[in-house]
Amino acid sequence: MKLYLKPGACSLSPHIVLEEAGLKYDTEVVDLQKKVTASGQDYWKINPKGYVPALQLDNGDVITEGPAIVQYLADQVPGKKLAPANGTLERYKLQAWLTFIGTEIHKTFSPFFNPATPAEWKAMCRAKLERRFGYVAEQLAGQDYLMGAEFSVADAYLFTVIRWAKHIELELSQWPALAAYQARVAARPAVVAAMKAEGLL
């Protein structure tokens, strides 16, 4: 397998999951402005959507969208318990978290990375992020991870997008449960390995 990524972007989430899963894989960095991979490939031909992540399987098939990729990876190693079994209520709870993180947190950060975004819009997005972070902190009270005691693929995604808070000077310290959670995930060996590989540590 090969994961196409941009260091520090949302592709860090499946990179962490690959490390947690212990699967054999390669990575290749994508220049998202030029849409060219490090080896000179036209990234549009790999992922016509033009963004990361994309996971190329050994048979040549490509899976896109982070939440789909991480669930695929989790299902390759069920013994690792990175996702509950398909068809169970717990799996739907995981999918609810992945959807919430993607639509309510990840996409709310997007305007901050666009220089053309008006200040008023950024202010509204910041307020929304604060509300969403407050909600997540409440859910984490008294438990180590989003799904309870076990680390899951949802934690890899949440950790990845929460890292962006520092870029907009949004202090996690105002949500102690969230700050503690972020530190707990950051200390996991697989997370350290993925971040080192991307030059983030």
C-alpha atoms as a PDB file:
ATOM      1  CA  MET A   1       0.000   0.000   0.000  1.00  0.00           C
ATOM      2  CA  LYS A   2       1.023   3.583  -0.549  1.00  0.00           C
ATOM      3  CA  LEU A   3      -0.357   6.597   1.293  1.00  0.00           C
ATOM      4  CA  TYR A   4      -0.226   9.910  -0.525  1.00  0.00           C
ATOM      5  CA  LEU A   5       0.072  12.715   1.986  1.00  0.00           C
ATOM      6  CA  LYS A   6       1.031  16.260   2.824  1.00  0.00           C
ATOM      7  CA  PRO A   7       2.923  16.588   6.122  1.00  0.00           C
ATOM      8  CA  GLY A   8       0.660  17.811   8.909  1.00  0.00           C
ATOM      9  CA  ALA A   9      -2.483  17.771   6.778  1.00  0.00           C
ATOM     10  CA  CYS A  10      -5.512  15.538   7.377  1.00  0.00           C
ATOM     11  CA  SER A  11      -3.537  12.692   5.788  1.00  0.00           C
ATOM     12  CA  LEU A  12      -1.704  12.411   9.120  1.00  0.00           C
ATOM     13  CA  SER A  13      -4.783  10.544  10.395  1.00  0.00           C
ATOM     14  CA  PRO A  14      -4.455   7.465   8.127  1.00  0.00           C
ATOM     15  CA  HIS A  15      -0.678   7.666   8.549  1.00  0.00           C
ATOM     16  CA  ILE A  16      -1.177   7.218  12.309  1.00  0.00           C
ATOM     17  CA  VAL A  17      -3.636   4.376  11.693  1.00  0.00           C
ATOM     18  CA  LEU A  18      -1.160   2.597   9.412  1.00  0.00           C
ATOM     19  CA  GLU A  19       1.399   2.736  12.217  1.00  0.00           C
ATOM     20  CA  GLU A  20      -1.143   1.584  14.811  1.00  0.00           C
ATOM     21  CA  ALA A  21      -2.196  -1.274  12.526  1.00  0.00           C
ATOM     22  CA  GLY A  22       1.343  -2.463  11.921  1.00  0.00           C
ATOM     23  CA  LEU A  23       0.652  -2.842   8.207  1.00  0.00           C
ATOM     24  CA  LYS A  24       3.372  -2.649   5.577  1.00  0.00           C
ATOM     25  CA  TYR A  25       3.138   0.583   3.587  1.00  0.00           C
ATOM     26  CA  ASP A  26       4.991   3.336   1.760  1.00  0.00           C
ATOM     27  CA  THR A  27       4.268   7.047   1.682  1.00  0.00           C
ATOM     28  CA  GLU A  28       4.697   9.715  -0.947  1.00  0.00           C
ATOM     29  CA  VAL A  29       4.408  13.442  -0.403  1.00  0.00           C
ATOM     30  CA  VAL A  30       2.175  15.462  -2.711  1.00  0.00           C
ATOM     31  CA  ASP A  31       2.729  19.076  -3.721  1.00  0.00           C
ATOM     32  CA  LEU A  32      -0.910  20.148  -3.537  1.00  0.00           C
ATOM     33  CA  GLN A  33      -0.325  23.426  -5.340  1.00  0.00           C
ATOM     34  CA  LYS A  34       1.308  21.796  -8.341  1.00  0.00           C
ATOM     35  CA  LYS A  35      -0.643  18.501  -7.994  1.00  0.00           C
ATOM     36  CA  VAL A  36       2.576  16.554  -8.443  1.00  0.00           C
ATOM     37  CA  THR A  37       3.950  13.783  -6.240  1.00  0.00           C
ATOM     38  CA  ALA A  38       7.521  13.636  -4.969  1.00  0.00           C
ATOM     39  CA  SER A  39       8.355  11.103  -7.693  1.00  0.00           C
ATOM     40  CA  GLY A  40       6.952  13.399 -10.384  1.00  0.00           C
ATOM     41  CA  GLN A  41       3.593  11.735 -10.963  1.00  0.00           C
ATOM     42  CA  ASP A  42       0.533  13.749 -11.965  1.00  0.00           C
ATOM     43  CA  TYR A  43      -1.533  13.579  -8.793  1.00  0.00           C
ATOM     44  CA  TRP A  44      -4.766  14.261 -10.685  1.00  0.00           C
ATOM     45  CA  LYS A  45      -4.350  10.798 -12.237  1.00  0.00           C
ATOM     46  CA  ILE A  46      -4.070   9.188  -8.802  1.00  0.00           C
ATOM     47  CA  ASN A  47      -6.851  11.144  -7.106  1.00  0.00           C
ATOM     48  CA  PRO A  48      -9.037  13.196  -9.476  1.00  0.00           C
ATOM     49  CA  LYS A  49     -10.276  15.168  -6.440  1.00  0.00           C
ATOM     50  CA  GLY A  50      -6.807  16.680  -6.173  1.00  0.00           C
ATOM     51  CA  TYR A  51      -6.385  16.520  -2.403  1.00  0.00           C
ATOM     52  CA  VAL A  52      -4.974  14.171   0.207  1.00  0.00           C
ATOM     53  CA  PRO A  53      -5.184  11.551   1.525  1.00  0.00           C
ATOM     54  CA  ALA A  54      -5.317   8.814  -1.057  1.00  0.00           C
ATOM     55  CA  LEU A  55      -4.439   5.195  -0.355  1.00  0.00           C
ATOM     56  CA  GLN A  56      -3.255   3.108  -3.300  1.00  0.00           C
ATOM     57  CA  LEU A  57      -3.721  -0.600  -2.700  1.00  0.00           C
ATOM     58  CA  ASP A  58      -1.350  -3.271  -3.958  1.00  0.00           C
ATOM     59  CA  ASN A  59      -3.777  -4.142  -6.772  1.00  0.00           C
ATOM     60  CA  GLY A  60      -3.775  -0.532  -7.999  1.00  0.00           C
ATOM     61  CA  ASP A  61      -7.176   0.469  -6.598  1.00  0.00           C
ATOM     62  CA  VAL A  62      -7.275   3.832  -4.834  1.00  0.00           C
ATOM     63  CA  ILE A  63      -9.382   4.735  -1.799  1.00  0.00           C
ATOM     64  CA  THR A  64      -9.952   8.420  -1.044  1.00  0.00           C
ATOM     65  CA  GLU A  65     -11.469  10.320   1.910  1.00  0.00           C
ATOM     66  CA  GLY A  66      -9.833   9.927   5.300  1.00  0.00           C
ATOM     67  CA  PRO A  67     -12.790   8.373   7.167  1.00  0.00           C
ATOM     68  CA  ALA A  68     -13.156   5.682   4.481  1.00  0.00           C
ATOM     69  CA  ILE A  69      -9.425   4.980   4.423  1.00  0.00           C
ATOM     70  CA  VAL A  70      -9.063   4.599   8.183  1.00  0.00           C
ATOM     71  CA  GLN A  71     -12.029   2.221   8.395  1.00  0.00           C
ATOM     72  CA  TYR A  72     -10.603   0.129   5.560  1.00  0.00           C
ATOM     73  CA  LEU A  73      -7.279  -0.073   7.389  1.00  0.00           C
ATOM     74  CA  ALA A  74      -8.925  -0.950  10.699  1.00  0.00           C
ATOM     75  CA  ASP A  75     -10.853  -3.771   9.033  1.00  0.00           C
ATOM     76  CA  GLN A  76      -7.594  -5.310   7.758  1.00  0.00           C
ATOM     77  CA  VAL A  77      -6.463  -5.924  11.341  1.00  0.00           C
ATOM     78  CA  PRO A  78      -9.601  -6.584  13.432  1.00  0.00           C
ATOM     79  CA  GLY A  79      -7.489  -7.897  16.285  1.00  0.00           C
ATOM     80  CA  LYS A  80      -6.068  -4.411  16.848  1.00  0.00           C
ATOM     81  CA  LYS A  81      -9.568  -3.129  17.709  1.00  0.00           C
ATOM     82  CA  LEU A  82      -9.062   0.160  15.871  1.00  0.00           C
ATOM     83  CA  ALA A  83     -12.748   0.074  14.883  1.00  0.00           C
ATOM     84  CA  PRO A  84     -15.709  -1.925  16.178  1.00  0.00           C
ATOM     85  CA  ALA A  85     -17.017  -4.712  13.958  1.00  0.00           C
ATOM     86  CA  ASN A  86     -19.125  -3.734  10.965  1.00  0.00           C
ATOM     87  CA  GLY A  87     -22.858  -3.899  11.589  1.00  0.00           C
ATOM     88  CA  THR A  88     -22.626  -3.263  15.305  1.00  0.00           C
ATOM     89  CA  LEU A  89     -24.093  -0.257  17.082  1.00  0.00           C
ATOM     90  CA  GLU A  90     -20.596   0.665  18.224  1.00  0.00           C
ATOM     91  CA  ARG A  91     -19.455   0.873  14.591  1.00  0.00           C
ATOM     92  CA  TYR A  92     -22.201   3.383  13.856  1.00  0.00           C
ATOM     93  CA  LYS A  93     -21.112   5.390  16.884  1.00  0.00           C
ATOM     94  CA  LEU A  94     -17.591   5.422  15.445  1.00  0.00           C
ATOM     95  CA  GLN A  95     -18.949   6.596  12.095  1.00  0.00           C
ATOM     96  CA  ALA A  96     -20.881   9.326  13.888  1.00  0.00           C
ATOM     97  CA  TRP A  97     -17.632  10.554  15.424  1.00  0.00           C
ATOM     98  CA  LEU A  98     -15.808  10.433  12.084  1.00  0.00           C
ATOM     99  CA  THR A  99     -18.627  12.413  10.451  1.00  0.00           C
ATOM    100  CA  PHE A 100     -18.720  14.959  13.270  1.00  0.00           C
ATOM    101  CA  ILE A 101     -14.957  15.468  13.161  1.00  0.00           C
ATOM    102  CA  GLY A 102     -14.997  15.844   9.381  1.00  0.00           C
ATOM    103  CA  THR A 103     -17.947  18.188   9.023  1.00  0.00           C
ATOM    104  CA  GLU A 104     -17.957  20.129  12.267  1.00  0.00           C
ATOM    105  CA  ILE A 105     -14.246  20.473  13.087  1.00  0.00           C
ATOM    106  CA  HIS A 106     -12.078  19.691  10.043  1.00  0.00           C
ATOM    107  CA  LYS A 107     -14.099  21.793   7.610  1.00  0.00           C
ATOM    108  CA  THR A 108     -14.501  24.614  10.107  1.00  0.00           C
ATOM    109  CA  PHE A 109     -10.723  24.997  10.107  1.00  0.00           C
ATOM    110  CA  SER A 110     -10.577  25.248   6.295  1.00  0.00           C
ATOM    111  CA  PRO A 111     -11.299  29.015   6.031  1.00  0.00           C
ATOM    112  CA  PHE A 112      -8.236  29.775   8.177  1.00  0.00           C
ATOM    113  CA  PHE A 113      -5.981  28.269   5.520  1.00  0.00           C
ATOM    114  CA  ASN A 114      -7.427  30.471   2.771  1.00  0.00           C
ATOM    115  CA  PRO A 115      -5.867  33.964   2.659  1.00  0.00           C
ATOM    116  CA  ALA A 116      -8.991  35.304   0.941  1.00  0.00           C
ATOM    117  CA  THR A 117     -11.303  34.425   3.838  1.00  0.00           C
ATOM    118  CA  PRO A 118     -12.854  37.596   5.367  1.00  0.00           C
ATOM    119  CA  ALA A 119     -12.063  38.277   9.031  1.00  0.00           C
ATOM    120  CA  GLU A 120     -15.773  38.135   9.897  1.00  0.00           C
ATOM    121  CA  TRP A 121     -16.063  34.590   8.556  1.00  0.00           C
ATOM    122  CA  LYS A 122     -12.966  33.514  10.475  1.00  0.00           C
ATOM    123  CA  ALA A 123     -14.471  34.940  13.657  1.00  0.00           C
ATOM    124  CA  MET A 124     -17.662  32.922  13.128  1.00  0.00           C
ATOM    125  CA  CYS A 125     -15.651  29.774  12.443  1.00  0.00           C
ATOM    126  CA  ARG A 126     -13.556  30.304  15.550  1.00  0.00           C
ATOM    127  CA  ALA A 127     -16.690  30.622  17.674  1.00  0.00           C
ATOM    128  CA  LYS A 128     -18.055  27.424  16.134  1.00  0.00           C
ATOM    129  CA  LEU A 129     -14.803  25.588  16.839  1.00  0.00           C
ATOM    130  CA  GLU A 130     -14.930  26.709  20.456  1.00  0.00           C
ATOM    131  CA  ARG A 131     -18.442  25.277  20.785  1.00  0.00           C
ATOM    132  CA  ARG A 132     -17.432  22.012  19.130  1.00  0.00           C
ATOM    133  CA  PHE A 133     -14.298  21.692  21.268  1.00  0.00           C
ATOM    134  CA  GLY A 134     -16.451  22.255  24.347  1.00  0.00           C
ATOM    135  CA  TYR A 135     -18.755  19.442  23.280  1.00  0.00           C
ATOM    136  CA  VAL A 136     -15.866  17.042  22.654  1.00  0.00           C
ATOM    137  CA  ALA A 137     -14.315  17.919  26.012  1.00  0.00           C
ATOM    138  CA  GLU A 138     -17.602  17.049  27.722  1.00  0.00           C
ATOM    139  CA  GLN A 139     -17.700  13.673  25.975  1.00  0.00           C
ATOM    140  CA  LEU A 140     -14.116  12.926  26.994  1.00  0.00           C
ATOM    141  CA  ALA A 141     -14.707  13.635  30.665  1.00  0.00           C
ATOM    142  CA  GLY A 142     -13.877  10.465  32.577  1.00  0.00           C
ATOM    143  CA  GLN A 143     -12.628   8.446  29.592  1.00  0.00           C
ATOM    144  CA  ASP A 144      -9.340   8.141  27.725  1.00  0.00           C
ATOM    145  CA  TYR A 145     -10.594   8.087  24.133  1.00  0.00           C
ATOM    146  CA  LEU A 146     -13.658   8.984  22.077  1.00  0.00           C
ATOM    147  CA  MET A 147     -15.027   5.441  22.152  1.00  0.00           C
ATOM    148  CA  GLY A 148     -14.101   4.813  25.777  1.00  0.00           C
ATOM    149  CA  ALA A 149     -11.026   2.940  26.974  1.00  0.00           C
ATOM    150  CA  GLU A 150      -9.796   1.843  23.527  1.00  0.00           C
ATOM    151  CA  PHE A 151      -7.975   4.027  20.981  1.00  0.00           C
ATOM    152  CA  SER A 152      -9.816   4.036  17.641  1.00  0.00           C
ATOM    153  CA  VAL A 153      -9.430   5.503  14.177  1.00  0.00           C
ATOM    154  CA  ALA A 154     -11.650   8.397  15.293  1.00  0.00           C
ATOM    155  CA  ASP A 155      -8.944   9.409  17.754  1.00  0.00           C
ATOM    156  CA  ALA A 156      -6.347   9.517  14.988  1.00  0.00           C
ATOM    157  CA  TYR A 157      -8.589  11.909  13.051  1.00  0.00           C
ATOM    158  CA  LEU A 158      -9.498  14.107  16.018  1.00  0.00           C
ATOM    159  CA  PHE A 159      -5.870  14.359  17.123  1.00  0.00           C
ATOM    160  CA  THR A 160      -4.867  15.408  13.608  1.00  0.00           C
ATOM    161  CA  VAL A 161      -7.367  18.246  13.262  1.00  0.00           C
ATOM    162  CA  ILE A 162      -7.006  19.493  16.846  1.00  0.00           C
ATOM    163  CA  ARG A 163      -3.299  20.021  16.139  1.00  0.00           C
ATOM    164  CA  TRP A 164      -4.343  22.880  13.865  1.00  0.00           C
ATOM    165  CA  ALA A 165      -5.685  24.897  16.813  1.00  0.00           C
ATOM    166  CA  LYS A 166      -2.204  26.271  17.468  1.00  0.00           C
ATOM    167  CA  HIS A 167      -2.170  27.827  13.989  1.00  0.00           C
ATOM    168  CA  ILE A 168      -5.106  30.042  14.934  1.00  0.00           C
ATOM    169  CA  GLU A 169      -3.884  30.579  18.509  1.00  0.00           C
ATOM    170  CA  LEU A 170      -6.805  28.659  19.970  1.00  0.00           C
ATOM    171  CA  GLU A 171      -5.586  27.412  23.354  1.00  0.00           C
ATOM    172  CA  LEU A 172      -6.694  23.917  24.350  1.00  0.00           C
ATOM    173  CA  SER A 173      -5.945  24.711  27.985  1.00  0.00           C
ATOM    174  CA  GLN A 174      -9.433  26.176  28.347  1.00  0.00           C
ATOM    175  CA  TRP A 175     -10.724  22.599  27.948  1.00  0.00           C
ATOM    176  CA  PRO A 176      -8.567  20.549  30.360  1.00  0.00           C
ATOM    177  CA  ALA A 177     -10.092  17.219  29.290  1.00  0.00           C
ATOM    178  CA  LEU A 178      -9.314  17.990  25.648  1.00  0.00           C
ATOM    179  CA  ALA A 179      -5.768  19.163  26.398  1.00  0.00           C
ATOM    180  CA  ALA A 180      -5.105  16.010  28.429  1.00  0.00           C
ATOM    181  CA  TYR A 181      -6.545  13.868  25.641  1.00  0.00           C
ATOM    182  CA  GLN A 182      -4.342  15.518  23.025  1.00  0.00           C
ATOM    183  CA  ALA A 183      -1.245  14.920  25.142  1.00  0.00           C
ATOM    184  CA  ARG A 184      -2.276  11.291  25.751  1.00  0.00           C
ATOM    185  CA  VAL A 185      -2.689  10.589  22.029  1.00  0.00           C
ATOM    186  CA  ALA A 186       0.535  12.444  21.170  1.00  0.00           C
ATOM    187  CA  ALA A 187       2.472  10.093  23.452  1.00  0.00           C
ATOM    188  CA  ARG A 188       1.387   6.918  21.646  1.00  0.00           C
ATOM    189  CA  PRO A 189       4.364   5.288  19.875  1.00  0.00           C
ATOM    190  CA  ALA A 190       2.480   5.018  16.560  1.00  0.00           C
ATOM    191  CA  VAL A 191       1.595   8.712  16.666  1.00  0.00           C
ATOM    192  CA  VAL A 192       5.205   9.641  17.425  1.00  0.00           C
ATOM    193  CA  ALA A 193       6.408   7.449  14.544  1.00  0.00           C
ATOM    194  CA  ALA A 194       3.992   8.972  12.016  1.00  0.00           C
ATOM    195  CA  MET A 195       4.794  12.523  13.108  1.00  0.00           C
ATOM    196  CA  LYS A 196       8.525  11.907  12.964  1.00  0.00           C
ATOM    197  CA  ALA A 197       8.176  10.462   9.476  1.00  0.00           C
ATOM    198  CA  GLU A 198       6.372  13.632   8.375  1.00  0.00           C
ATOM    199  CA  GLY A 199       8.972  15.902   9.965  1.00  0.00           C
ATOM    200  CA  LEU A 200       6.509  17.222  12.552  1.00  0.00           C
ATOM    201  CA  LEU A 201       8.683  16.427  15.577  1.00  0.00           C
END
